[in-house]
Amino acid sequence: MIKLLRVDHRLLHGQVAFSWTNNLGADCILIANDDVPVNELRKTTIKLAKPQGVRLVIKNIADSIEALKSGVTDKYKLFIVVESVADAEKLVSAYPEIKQVNLGGIKAKEGARNISKAVNLLPDEEELVKKMMAQGVEVEIRQVPSDKKILAQNVL
């Protein structure tokens, strides 16, 4: 069962890993990213942030979609983390069972609009968020579970 799909440019890190995993009751974290599986430094760093007693799986986007569709992830309380809005949209479009997306941290870039303390979206990313919302997905903004939930539709 998918507990949450989170967009965070830092992927898995420190307190966020622990607070979200505990809050969700997740027993497996899926890092869906095309770079990390082939980047030993990033892979090692992410493994260091993994909470104890939680399974960590690192797959590229295509393999992540395949794993979700195959049912191999069904036995887990799954917390999926991606690096970008584009990656989140790929997963949501390919696997409609994803009903909630959390925008947790998207760094500022040239041409991006700041929509919350830690979320900055380029115009094309805003369109992808709107596309996910049009597919019936709740897109919300929170860095940690204790933050007040802000619905993306209210700030876009």
Protein backbone atom coordinates (compact mmCIF):
# COMPACT_ATOMS: atom_id res chain seq x y z
CA MET A 1 0.00 0.00 0.00
CA ILE A 2 1.38 3.38 -0.97
CA LYS A 3 1.33 5.70 2.03
CA LEU A 4 2.75 8.77 0.28
CA LEU A 5 4.74 9.98 -2.71
CA ARG A 6 7.05 12.83 -1.69
CA VAL A 7 8.99 15.24 -3.91
CA ASP A 8 12.22 16.37 -2.24
CA HIS A 9 15.31 17.48 -4.13
CA ARG A 10 17.45 16.03 -1.31
CA LEU A 11 15.61 12.69 -1.54
CA LEU A 12 16.16 10.91 1.79
CA HIS A 13 17.82 12.87 4.55
CA GLY A 14 18.05 13.04 8.33
CA GLN A 15 15.07 14.17 10.34
CA VAL A 16 12.71 14.21 7.38
CA ALA A 17 13.36 10.51 6.76
CA PHE A 18 12.56 9.66 10.37
CA SER A 19 9.60 12.01 10.87
CA TRP A 20 7.80 11.00 7.67
CA THR A 21 8.55 7.29 8.01
CA ASN A 22 7.29 7.23 11.60
CA ASN A 23 4.25 9.40 10.84
CA LEU A 24 3.23 7.23 7.90
CA GLY A 25 4.01 3.95 9.63
CA ALA A 26 6.04 3.05 6.53
CA ASP A 27 8.08 -0.14 6.53
CA CYS A 28 9.66 0.40 3.10
CA ILE A 29 11.09 3.46 1.36
CA LEU A 30 11.38 3.48 -2.41
CA ILE A 31 13.79 6.02 -3.86
CA ALA A 32 12.66 6.41 -7.48
CA ASN A 33 15.37 8.27 -9.35
CA ASP A 34 17.32 7.76 -12.57
CA ASP A 35 20.66 9.00 -11.20
CA VAL A 36 20.98 7.41 -7.76
CA PRO A 37 21.11 3.74 -8.86
CA VAL A 38 24.21 4.50 -10.95
CA ASN A 39 25.80 7.08 -8.62
CA GLU A 40 27.64 5.30 -5.81
CA LEU A 41 28.22 8.46 -3.74
CA ARG A 42 24.53 9.46 -3.75
CA LYS A 43 23.48 5.86 -3.12
CA THR A 44 25.79 5.59 -0.08
CA THR A 45 24.59 8.93 1.32
CA ILE A 46 20.95 7.87 1.02
CA LYS A 47 21.65 4.53 2.71
CA LEU A 48 23.12 6.42 5.69
CA ALA A 49 19.83 8.32 6.15
CA LYS A 50 17.67 5.18 6.20
CA PRO A 51 15.78 4.71 9.45
CA GLN A 52 16.55 1.48 11.28
CA GLY A 53 14.07 -1.33 10.71
CA VAL A 54 12.84 0.09 7.41
CA ARG A 55 13.56 -1.53 4.06
CA LEU A 56 15.20 0.77 1.49
CA VAL A 57 14.85 0.14 -2.24
CA ILE A 58 16.56 2.31 -4.86
CA LYS A 59 15.32 1.98 -8.44
CA ASN A 60 15.22 4.11 -11.57
CA ILE A 61 11.84 5.54 -12.61
CA ALA A 62 11.01 2.83 -15.16
CA ASP A 63 11.91 0.00 -12.77
CA SER A 64 9.94 1.72 -9.98
CA ILE A 65 6.84 1.83 -12.17
CA GLU A 66 7.37 -1.80 -13.13
CA ALA A 67 7.71 -2.82 -9.46
CA LEU A 68 4.53 -0.95 -8.52
CA LYS A 69 2.55 -2.49 -11.39
CA SER A 70 3.87 -6.01 -10.71
CA GLY A 71 2.40 -6.02 -7.20
CA VAL A 72 5.75 -6.81 -5.56
CA THR A 73 5.37 -3.65 -3.42
CA ASP A 74 1.81 -4.43 -2.28
CA LYS A 75 2.96 -6.14 0.93
CA TYR A 76 4.69 -2.98 2.15
CA LYS A 77 3.50 0.27 3.68
CA LEU A 78 5.40 2.17 1.01
CA PHE A 79 6.86 5.67 1.23
CA ILE A 80 8.05 6.75 -2.24
CA VAL A 81 10.51 9.63 -2.59
CA VAL A 82 11.38 11.31 -5.90
CA GLU A 83 13.64 14.24 -6.68
CA SER A 84 11.42 16.23 -9.04
CA VAL A 85 7.84 17.10 -9.91
CA ALA A 86 8.47 15.53 -13.34
CA ASP A 87 9.38 12.19 -11.73
CA ALA A 88 6.30 12.36 -9.48
CA GLU A 89 4.08 13.01 -12.48
CA LYS A 90 5.59 10.04 -14.36
CA LEU A 91 4.76 7.74 -11.44
CA VAL A 92 1.26 9.17 -10.95
CA SER A 93 0.44 8.89 -14.66
CA ALA A 94 1.75 5.33 -14.91
CA TYR A 95 0.26 4.13 -11.62
CA PRO A 96 -3.13 5.76 -10.87
CA GLU A 97 -3.30 4.10 -7.44
CA ILE A 98 -1.09 6.97 -6.19
CA LYS A 99 -3.62 9.39 -4.69
CA GLN A 100 -1.46 11.77 -2.66
CA VAL A 101 1.69 13.72 -3.51
CA ASN A 102 3.64 15.75 -0.97
CA LEU A 103 5.79 18.63 -2.19
CA GLY A 104 8.41 18.80 0.53
CA GLY A 105 11.48 20.50 -0.89
CA ILE A 106 12.09 21.89 -4.35
CA LYS A 107 15.03 24.25 -4.52
CA ALA A 108 14.91 27.68 -6.11
CA LYS A 109 15.96 27.86 -9.75
CA GLU A 110 16.09 30.65 -12.30
CA GLY A 111 12.50 31.39 -13.34
CA ALA A 112 10.89 29.44 -10.49
CA ARG A 113 8.08 30.84 -8.38
CA ASN A 114 8.23 30.38 -4.61
CA ILE A 115 4.91 28.90 -3.45
CA SER A 116 5.97 27.99 0.10
CA LYS A 117 8.93 28.08 2.47
CA ALA A 118 10.75 25.24 0.69
CA VAL A 119 8.90 24.76 -2.62
CA ASN A 120 9.80 26.61 -5.81
CA LEU A 121 8.16 25.67 -9.11
CA LEU A 122 9.04 26.47 -12.69
CA PRO A 123 6.05 27.15 -14.99
CA ASP A 124 6.28 23.66 -16.53
CA GLU A 125 6.36 22.12 -13.02
CA GLU A 126 3.23 24.09 -12.11
CA GLU A 127 1.54 22.57 -15.16
CA LEU A 128 2.59 19.06 -14.07
CA VAL A 129 1.15 19.71 -10.58
CA LYS A 130 -2.12 20.86 -12.20
CA LYS A 131 -2.10 17.72 -14.38
CA MET A 132 -1.74 15.50 -11.30
CA MET A 133 -4.56 17.37 -9.53
CA ALA A 134 -6.75 16.92 -12.63
CA GLN A 135 -6.13 13.16 -12.30
CA GLY A 136 -7.68 13.26 -8.83
CA VAL A 137 -4.42 13.35 -6.88
CA GLU A 138 -4.23 15.46 -3.73
CA VAL A 139 -1.07 17.56 -4.02
CA GLU A 140 -0.07 19.07 -0.71
CA ILE A 141 2.86 21.07 0.61
CA ARG A 142 4.60 20.24 3.91
CA GLN A 143 8.22 19.83 4.90
CA VAL A 144 7.47 17.65 7.92
CA PRO A 145 4.25 15.94 9.04
CA SER A 146 3.69 18.42 11.89
CA ASP A 147 3.51 21.36 9.45
CA LYS A 148 0.07 22.59 8.47
CA LYS A 149 -1.00 20.92 5.23
CA ILE A 150 -1.30 23.42 2.37
CA LEU A 151 -3.14 22.21 -0.73
CA ALA A 152 -1.31 23.11 -3.94
CA GLN A 153 -4.62 24.11 -5.56
CA ASN A 154 -4.87 26.94 -3.02
CA VAL A 155 -1.51 28.48 -3.92
CA LEU A 156 -1.31 27.94 -7.68
